[in-house]
Protein backbone atom coordinates (compact mmCIF):
# COMPACT_ATOMS: atom_id res chain seq x y z
CA UNK A 1 68.29 0.93 27.39
CA UNK A 2 66.49 0.72 31.22
CA UNK A 3 65.20 4.29 30.93
CA UNK A 4 63.57 3.33 27.56
CA UNK A 5 61.91 0.38 29.43
CA UNK A 6 60.97 2.07 32.40
CA UNK A 7 59.07 4.47 30.00
CA UNK A 8 57.46 2.14 28.48
CA UNK A 9 56.75 0.36 31.62
CA UNK A 10 55.08 3.64 32.66
CA UNK A 11 53.19 4.47 29.67
CA UNK A 12 51.51 0.82 29.75
CA UNK A 13 50.90 1.63 33.44
CA UNK A 14 48.88 4.88 32.53
CA UNK A 15 46.87 3.16 30.24
CA UNK A 16 45.61 0.24 32.04
CA UNK A 17 44.80 2.26 35.16
CA UNK A 18 43.32 5.19 33.06
CA UNK A 19 39.29 4.34 32.97
CA UNK A 20 39.44 6.23 29.79
CA UNK A 21 41.74 4.33 27.77
CA UNK A 22 40.91 1.35 29.72
CA UNK A 23 36.79 1.41 28.46
CA UNK A 24 37.41 3.66 25.45
CA UNK A 25 40.19 2.21 23.74
CA UNK A 26 40.13 -1.73 24.24
CA UNK A 27 36.19 -1.81 23.50
CA UNK A 28 36.98 -1.14 19.79
CA UNK A 29 38.54 -3.85 18.29
CA UNK A 30 36.75 -6.59 19.35
CA UNK A 31 35.46 -7.93 16.06
CA UNK A 32 33.79 -5.47 13.52
CA UNK A 33 32.56 -1.90 14.72
CA UNK A 34 29.22 -0.14 13.35
CA UNK A 35 28.28 3.12 14.25
CA UNK A 36 24.68 4.42 13.76
CA UNK A 37 23.51 6.47 10.54
CA UNK A 38 23.12 10.45 10.95
CA UNK A 39 19.42 10.74 10.41
CA UNK A 40 18.46 8.85 12.99
CA UNK A 41 16.49 11.40 14.79
CA UNK A 42 14.61 11.94 11.96
CA UNK A 43 14.00 8.13 11.56
CA UNK A 44 12.37 8.05 15.01
CA UNK A 45 10.36 11.18 14.88
CA UNK A 46 8.87 9.47 11.51
CA UNK A 47 8.50 6.03 13.61
CA UNK A 48 6.86 7.71 16.72
CA UNK A 49 3.12 6.93 15.31
CA UNK A 50 0.34 8.08 18.08
CA UNK A 51 -2.29 5.88 16.86
CA UNK A 52 -0.77 2.57 17.16
CA UNK A 53 -1.88 1.80 20.75
CA UNK A 54 -1.94 -2.37 20.89
CA UNK A 55 -2.47 -2.86 17.62
CA UNK A 56 -1.18 -6.37 17.06
CA UNK A 57 0.48 -5.32 14.04
CA UNK A 58 2.56 -2.26 16.43
CA UNK A 59 5.98 -4.66 15.97
CA UNK A 60 5.98 -5.00 12.01
CA UNK A 61 4.79 -1.38 11.56
CA UNK A 62 7.87 0.33 13.56
CA UNK A 63 10.37 -2.28 11.99
CA UNK A 64 9.12 -1.19 8.36
CA UNK A 65 9.32 2.33 8.79
CA UNK A 66 12.49 2.09 10.54
CA UNK A 67 13.82 0.19 7.56
CA UNK A 68 11.62 3.15 5.09
CA UNK A 69 9.47 0.64 3.94
CA UNK A 70 6.62 2.40 4.71
CA UNK A 71 5.64 5.81 6.27
CA UNK A 72 2.96 7.36 8.10
CA UNK A 73 0.15 9.59 6.53
CA UNK A 74 0.97 12.90 8.59
CA UNK A 75 0.44 14.47 11.53
CA UNK A 76 2.57 11.29 13.53
CA UNK A 77 -0.31 8.94 11.93
CA UNK A 78 -0.62 5.67 10.15
CA UNK A 79 -3.91 4.25 10.26
CA UNK A 80 -3.15 1.10 10.30
CA UNK A 81 -6.70 -0.02 9.80
CA UNK A 82 -7.27 1.71 7.07
CA UNK A 83 -7.47 0.45 3.59
CA UNK A 84 -4.49 0.06 1.41
CA UNK A 85 -4.94 1.33 -1.98
CA UNK A 86 -3.50 0.37 -5.23
CA UNK A 87 -1.14 3.01 -5.29
CA UNK A 88 0.24 2.40 -2.07
CA UNK A 89 0.99 -1.07 -2.36
CA UNK A 90 3.24 -0.17 -5.65
CA UNK A 91 4.80 2.47 -3.51
CA UNK A 92 5.32 0.54 -1.09
CA UNK A 93 6.72 -2.89 -2.66
CA UNK A 94 8.83 -0.49 -4.85
CA UNK A 95 10.59 1.02 -1.53
CA UNK A 96 10.61 -3.11 -0.06
CA UNK A 97 12.94 -3.31 -3.02
CA UNK A 98 15.08 -0.78 -2.39
CA UNK A 99 14.72 1.12 -5.53
CA UNK A 100 12.54 4.17 -4.29
CA UNK A 101 15.17 6.68 -5.53
CA UNK A 102 15.18 5.22 -9.06
CA UNK A 103 11.56 5.49 -8.71
CA UNK A 104 11.59 9.36 -7.56
CA UNK A 105 13.78 10.05 -10.45
CA UNK A 106 11.83 8.64 -13.05
CA UNK A 107 8.77 10.62 -11.42
CA UNK A 108 10.40 14.14 -11.77
CA UNK A 109 11.49 13.30 -15.62
CA UNK A 110 7.84 12.42 -16.08
CA UNK A 111 6.36 15.36 -14.34
CA UNK A 112 5.04 18.35 -16.80
CA UNK A 113 4.87 21.80 -15.32
CA UNK A 114 1.52 22.74 -15.82
CA UNK A 115 0.34 26.07 -15.50
CA UNK A 116 -2.62 26.57 -13.13
CA UNK A 117 -2.04 30.14 -11.92
CA UNK A 118 -1.73 30.30 -8.19
CA UNK A 119 -3.57 27.05 -7.55
CA UNK A 120 -1.69 23.93 -6.72
CA UNK A 121 -3.02 20.59 -7.65
CA UNK A 122 -0.44 17.91 -7.72
CA UNK A 123 2.38 17.08 -4.60
CA UNK A 124 5.86 15.51 -5.05
CA UNK A 125 3.86 12.37 -3.59
CA UNK A 126 1.76 12.85 -6.83
CA UNK A 127 4.13 13.16 -9.67
CA UNK A 128 6.78 10.46 -7.90
CA UNK A 129 3.49 7.75 -8.47
CA UNK A 130 4.17 7.69 -12.01
CA UNK A 131 7.49 6.81 -11.45
CA UNK A 132 6.57 4.10 -9.17
CA UNK A 133 4.57 2.74 -11.25
CA UNK A 134 6.72 2.53 -14.16
CA UNK A 135 9.55 0.79 -11.67
CA UNK A 136 6.85 -1.91 -10.49
CA UNK A 137 6.10 -2.56 -14.68
CA UNK A 138 10.01 -2.37 -15.57
CA UNK A 139 10.44 -4.93 -12.55
CA UNK A 140 7.08 -7.27 -13.53
CA UNK A 141 5.43 -6.34 -9.98
CA UNK A 142 2.82 -5.11 -12.08
CA UNK A 143 1.53 -6.43 -15.51
CA UNK A 144 0.28 -3.76 -18.21
CA UNK A 145 -3.06 -5.73 -18.60
CA UNK A 146 -3.44 -5.20 -14.38
CA UNK A 147 -2.79 -1.45 -15.10
CA UNK A 148 -5.17 -1.29 -17.93
CA UNK A 149 -7.30 -2.90 -15.57
CA UNK A 150 -6.80 -0.46 -12.92
CA UNK A 151 -7.41 2.58 -15.21
CA UNK A 152 -10.41 1.42 -16.95
CA UNK A 153 -13.56 3.69 -15.82
CA UNK A 154 -17.17 2.50 -16.36
CA UNK A 155 -19.45 4.90 -18.24
CA UNK A 156 -21.21 5.57 -14.98
CA UNK A 157 -18.04 6.80 -13.22
CA UNK A 158 -16.97 9.06 -16.34
CA UNK A 159 -20.04 10.43 -15.69
CA UNK A 160 -19.71 10.97 -12.12
CA UNK A 161 -16.38 12.67 -12.53
CA UNK A 162 -17.85 14.95 -15.35
CA UNK A 163 -20.58 16.19 -12.94
CA UNK A 164 -17.78 16.51 -10.18
CA UNK A 165 -15.23 18.64 -12.71
CA UNK A 166 -18.11 20.47 -13.37
CA UNK A 167 -19.20 21.28 -10.24
CA UNK A 168 -15.46 22.05 -8.99
CA UNK A 169 -14.35 24.16 -11.77
CA UNK A 170 -17.32 26.87 -11.15
CA UNK A 171 -15.02 28.70 -8.78
CA UNK A 172 -12.29 28.91 -10.91
CA UNK A 173 -13.38 29.93 -14.00
CA UNK A 174 -14.57 33.09 -11.93
CA UNK A 175 -11.30 34.15 -10.57
CA UNK A 176 -10.17 37.11 -13.04
CA UNK A 177 -6.97 36.77 -12.29
CA UNK A 178 -6.87 33.63 -14.34
CA UNK A 179 -6.29 32.88 -17.97
CA UNK A 180 -8.68 30.95 -20.01
CA UNK A 181 -5.65 28.57 -20.46
CA UNK A 182 -4.92 28.58 -16.83
CA UNK A 183 -8.89 26.88 -16.49
CA UNK A 184 -8.63 24.97 -19.14
CA UNK A 185 -5.26 23.21 -17.08
CA UNK A 186 -7.01 23.68 -13.42
CA UNK A 187 -10.46 21.36 -15.29
CA UNK A 188 -8.27 18.82 -16.90
CA UNK A 189 -5.81 18.70 -13.52
CA UNK A 190 -9.32 18.02 -11.44
CA UNK A 191 -10.34 15.13 -13.68
CA UNK A 192 -6.88 13.23 -13.45
CA UNK A 193 -7.27 13.88 -9.83
CA UNK A 194 -10.68 12.51 -9.44
CA UNK A 195 -9.96 9.54 -11.91
CA UNK A 196 -6.99 8.83 -9.40
CA UNK A 197 -10.06 8.16 -7.06
CA UNK A 198 -11.48 5.80 -8.78
CA UNK A 199 -8.54 3.77 -9.68
CA UNK A 200 -5.13 4.07 -8.49
CA UNK A 201 -6.91 4.99 -4.81
CA UNK A 202 -8.94 2.20 -4.44
CA UNK A 203 -8.17 -0.77 -2.54
CA UNK A 204 -5.99 -3.83 -3.57
CA UNK A 205 -7.95 -7.17 -2.49
CA UNK A 206 -5.58 -10.16 -0.97
CA UNK A 207 -5.59 -12.07 -3.96
CA UNK A 208 -3.84 -9.12 -5.88
CA UNK A 209 -1.52 -8.59 -3.08
CA UNK A 210 -0.34 -11.89 -2.85
CA UNK A 211 0.60 -11.98 -6.78
CA UNK A 212 2.50 -8.75 -6.40
CA UNK A 213 4.29 -10.42 -3.18
CA UNK A 214 5.29 -13.51 -5.18
CA UNK A 215 6.30 -11.33 -8.18
CA UNK A 216 8.74 -9.42 -5.87
CA UNK A 217 10.45 -11.93 -4.06
CA UNK A 218 10.61 -14.18 -7.22
CA UNK A 219 8.66 -17.32 -6.09
CA UNK A 220 8.69 -19.91 -7.96
CA UNK A 221 5.07 -20.82 -8.87
CA UNK A 222 4.47 -24.12 -7.50
CA UNK A 223 2.11 -26.65 -9.63
CA UNK A 224 0.99 -30.19 -9.72
CA UNK A 225 1.18 -32.62 -6.41
CA UNK A 226 3.23 -30.30 -4.81
CA UNK A 227 0.33 -27.67 -4.77
CA UNK A 228 -1.08 -28.52 -1.41
CA UNK A 229 -2.16 -25.25 0.71
CA UNK A 230 -3.93 -23.66 -1.44
CA UNK A 231 -6.71 -26.57 -0.66
CA UNK A 232 -7.01 -26.19 2.60
CA UNK A 233 -8.74 -23.27 2.01
CA UNK A 234 -12.33 -23.60 1.97
CA UNK A 235 -13.22 -20.74 -0.41
CA UNK A 236 -9.89 -21.74 -3.03
CA UNK A 237 -12.68 -22.27 -5.94
CA UNK A 238 -12.78 -18.19 -5.54
CA UNK A 239 -9.49 -17.43 -6.54
CA UNK A 240 -8.63 -17.00 -10.00
CA UNK A 241 -6.62 -19.90 -10.91
CA UNK A 242 -3.55 -18.43 -13.18
CA UNK A 243 -2.81 -16.60 -9.66
CA UNK A 244 -3.17 -20.35 -7.84
CA UNK A 245 0.38 -21.50 -8.48
CA UNK A 246 1.90 -18.13 -6.87
CA UNK A 247 -0.67 -17.78 -4.19
CA UNK A 248 0.45 -21.50 -3.36
CA UNK A 249 4.00 -20.38 -3.22
CA UNK A 250 3.08 -17.50 -0.86
CA UNK A 251 1.24 -19.47 1.67
CA UNK A 252 4.29 -21.97 1.81
CA UNK A 253 6.39 -19.47 2.68
CA UNK A 254 4.17 -18.29 5.27
CA UNK A 255 3.99 -15.13 4.48
CA UNK A 256 0.01 -15.37 4.24
CA UNK A 257 -2.45 -17.58 5.57
CA UNK A 258 -6.08 -18.09 5.93
CA UNK A 259 -8.46 -16.58 8.68
CA UNK A 260 -9.36 -18.87 11.62
CA UNK A 261 -11.94 -20.56 10.23
CA UNK A 262 -10.12 -21.65 7.02
CA UNK A 263 -10.98 -19.02 4.67
CA UNK A 264 -8.26 -17.46 2.22
CA UNK A 265 -11.12 -14.60 1.36
CA UNK A 266 -9.42 -13.58 -1.97
CA UNK A 267 -11.15 -10.35 -2.66
CA UNK A 268 -11.33 -8.92 0.77
CA UNK A 269 -9.09 -5.77 0.82
CA UNK A 270 -6.35 -5.45 3.01
CA UNK A 271 -5.43 -2.85 5.63
CA UNK A 272 -2.38 -0.91 6.12
CA UNK A 273 -0.96 -2.68 9.38
CA UNK A 274 -2.00 -6.15 7.83
CA UNK A 275 0.59 -5.06 4.86
CA UNK A 276 3.35 -3.77 7.00
CA UNK A 277 3.04 -7.60 8.57
CA UNK A 278 3.56 -9.34 5.24
CA UNK A 279 6.10 -7.12 3.81
CA UNK A 280 7.71 -7.95 7.43
CA UNK A 281 7.36 -12.00 7.04
CA UNK A 282 9.14 -11.54 3.50
CA UNK A 283 11.62 -8.76 4.99
CA UNK A 284 14.54 -10.47 5.86
CA UNK A 285 15.19 -12.54 2.41
CA UNK A 286 15.09 -9.05 0.63
CA UNK A 287 17.61 -7.01 2.73
CA UNK A 288 19.84 -9.89 2.47
CA UNK A 289 19.50 -9.81 -1.29
CA UNK A 290 19.61 -5.95 -1.41
CA UNK A 291 23.06 -6.46 0.67
CA UNK A 292 21.21 -5.86 5.09
CA UNK A 293 23.01 -7.81 7.04
CA UNK A 294 21.06 -8.92 10.24
CA UNK A 295 22.58 -10.80 13.01
CA UNK A 296 21.87 -11.57 16.68
CA UNK A 297 23.75 -12.04 20.06
CA UNK A 298 23.62 -11.11 23.43
CA UNK A 299 24.85 -7.98 24.98
CA UNK A 300 27.75 -8.72 27.03
CA UNK A 301 28.78 -5.01 28.09
CA UNK A 302 27.69 -1.54 27.46
CA UNK A 303 29.91 1.74 28.57
CA UNK A 304 29.60 5.30 28.16
CA UNK A 305 32.15 7.70 27.91
CA UNK A 306 32.79 11.15 26.31
CA UNK A 307 35.92 12.13 23.78
CA UNK A 308 36.50 15.10 21.78
CA UNK A 309 36.10 15.49 18.22
CA UNK A 310 37.14 18.42 16.17
CA UNK A 311 34.87 19.52 13.31
CA UNK A 312 36.19 19.81 9.78
CA UNK A 313 33.82 22.58 8.86
CA UNK A 314 34.64 24.95 11.92
CA UNK A 315 37.78 23.52 13.37
CA UNK A 316 36.17 23.48 16.49
CA UNK A 317 36.73 20.71 19.60
CA UNK A 318 33.01 19.55 20.24
CA UNK A 319 32.41 17.18 23.01
CA UNK A 320 30.54 13.60 22.02
CA UNK A 321 28.93 11.37 24.26
CA UNK A 322 29.99 7.58 22.95
CA UNK A 323 27.44 4.40 23.87
CA UNK A 324 29.47 1.50 23.11
CA UNK A 325 27.42 -2.12 23.13
CA UNK A 326 29.53 -4.68 22.94
CA UNK A 327 27.79 -7.81 21.92
CA UNK A 328 27.96 -11.91 21.21
CA UNK A 329 26.66 -12.92 18.16
CA UNK A 330 25.53 -16.25 17.96
CA UNK A 331 28.32 -17.55 16.35
CA UNK A 332 30.36 -16.46 18.89
CA UNK A 333 31.92 -13.78 16.64
CA UNK A 334 31.60 -10.36 18.65
CA UNK A 335 30.27 -7.30 17.32
CA UNK A 336 30.73 -3.07 18.58
CA UNK A 337 27.64 -1.36 18.15
CA UNK A 338 28.62 2.02 18.60
CA UNK A 339 25.82 5.45 19.07
CA UNK A 340 27.37 8.82 19.28
CA UNK A 341 25.60 12.24 20.76
CA UNK A 342 26.57 15.31 19.61
CA UNK A 343 25.58 18.93 18.59
CA UNK A 344 27.40 18.49 15.43
CA UNK A 345 26.01 16.22 12.57
CA UNK A 346 28.90 14.86 11.85
CA UNK A 347 29.63 12.92 15.05
CA UNK A 348 25.59 12.54 15.73
CA UNK A 349 24.97 9.04 15.09
CA UNK A 350 22.36 6.62 16.05
CA UNK A 351 19.76 3.98 15.38
CA UNK A 352 16.28 2.85 16.41
CA UNK A 353 15.65 0.14 19.43
CA UNK A 354 12.01 -1.83 19.37
CA UNK A 355 11.92 -3.18 23.22
CA UNK A 356 8.57 -4.29 24.78
CA UNK A 357 6.41 -2.96 22.89
CA UNK A 358 8.01 0.40 22.86
CA UNK A 359 10.22 2.46 20.21
CA UNK A 360 13.47 3.30 21.65
CA UNK A 361 16.84 4.77 21.06
CA UNK A 362 20.38 3.32 21.91
CA UNK A 363 20.10 4.58 25.88
CA UNK A 364 17.42 1.84 25.65
CA UNK A 365 19.46 -1.67 24.80
CA UNK A 366 21.27 -3.05 28.45
CA UNK A 367 23.64 -6.00 29.31
CA UNK A 368 22.49 -9.37 28.89
CA UNK A 369 19.90 -8.16 26.48
CA UNK A 370 19.38 -10.73 23.65
CA UNK A 371 19.43 -8.46 20.36
CA UNK A 372 18.55 -8.51 16.42
CA UNK A 373 20.17 -5.86 14.86
CA UNK A 374 20.19 -4.41 10.95
CA UNK A 375 23.20 -3.26 9.17
CA UNK A 376 22.41 -1.25 5.76
CA UNK A 377 24.14 -1.75 2.79
CA UNK A 378 26.60 1.09 4.00
CA UNK A 379 27.62 -1.04 7.12
CA UNK A 380 25.78 1.25 9.42
CA UNK A 381 23.35 -0.13 12.13
CA UNK A 382 19.64 1.24 11.45
CA UNK A 383 17.24 -0.93 13.94
CA UNK A 384 17.67 -3.19 16.76
CA UNK A 385 14.96 -5.24 18.34
CA UNK A 386 15.46 -6.63 21.87
CA UNK A 387 14.17 -9.98 21.96
């Protein structure tokens, strides 16, 4: 019995005195553990926009990008001051609701393989757009009446389109490698793309965006004596009467507001950066509805250590750098945020950090930082704001 007790005492001394056990073992199990996501490095690259500088909407742009609501325009550019188009607005709102996968599947089903020879006239994004529109209509973000109005072309626009089609098709008509049917398909593809330029690729105004956001959030239209904020806008009479109850609800939620001179500017276009800011204001309620957790607290401890893990596929043992962050949450509970760096994807997990105006990684979180962290519906931490 004495030998058994002596062995237990020695074992406990080893555990308590060994820094690896003392830090790595006892850090886990304090409250709830949250690991990062395996695609955080790609996410970091996709959010590293080179054209934001000190733009006023930099933080919401990065946040909405980190949460996969907004994406750039290629070459690490976001173009925050570019006008938001109708199709971009629909795409963002569908992503905002967490329905992108469904939209892309529908878009692929609607896609028709058109033989245009060696030439390509539509990207995957072009095919998916139809799916986004279908989802938006099914969720009552956009009505059939609104769609019909968007795609309606004036006689002048139709003439301009046909003139441009005639100019563009000449080069293809002279290509001897193309059949007559392929040339006809090319002509139709050119026409379709030009029609989108005059319809879905046109800007969306503030009144229309307010309506769409109100529908996405399922805001109750406000009528009667509670309808007050709209009348503080000097140009409220320029707003469509039927839109006023929903816009009132959007104003009362603080999602949109007038400018410094007291004008709502219902017919003014919206920039991409401004849309990111609007979605950010509405994001926490929507994310919680989608199963996300949003928790705030103070970082009490940060630990770094290396462990060895076995890769299931290769059976090799691989070194893993662990960064374990202990957070004392606002409700006095504790959470452990875990980031891992490894050459093996299975053990390489992290998240994005926004701190002091810059996009960063788990290494940027320090003791005493006050953080707000976002956990997706898979229980993985994806984004942290240091406030």
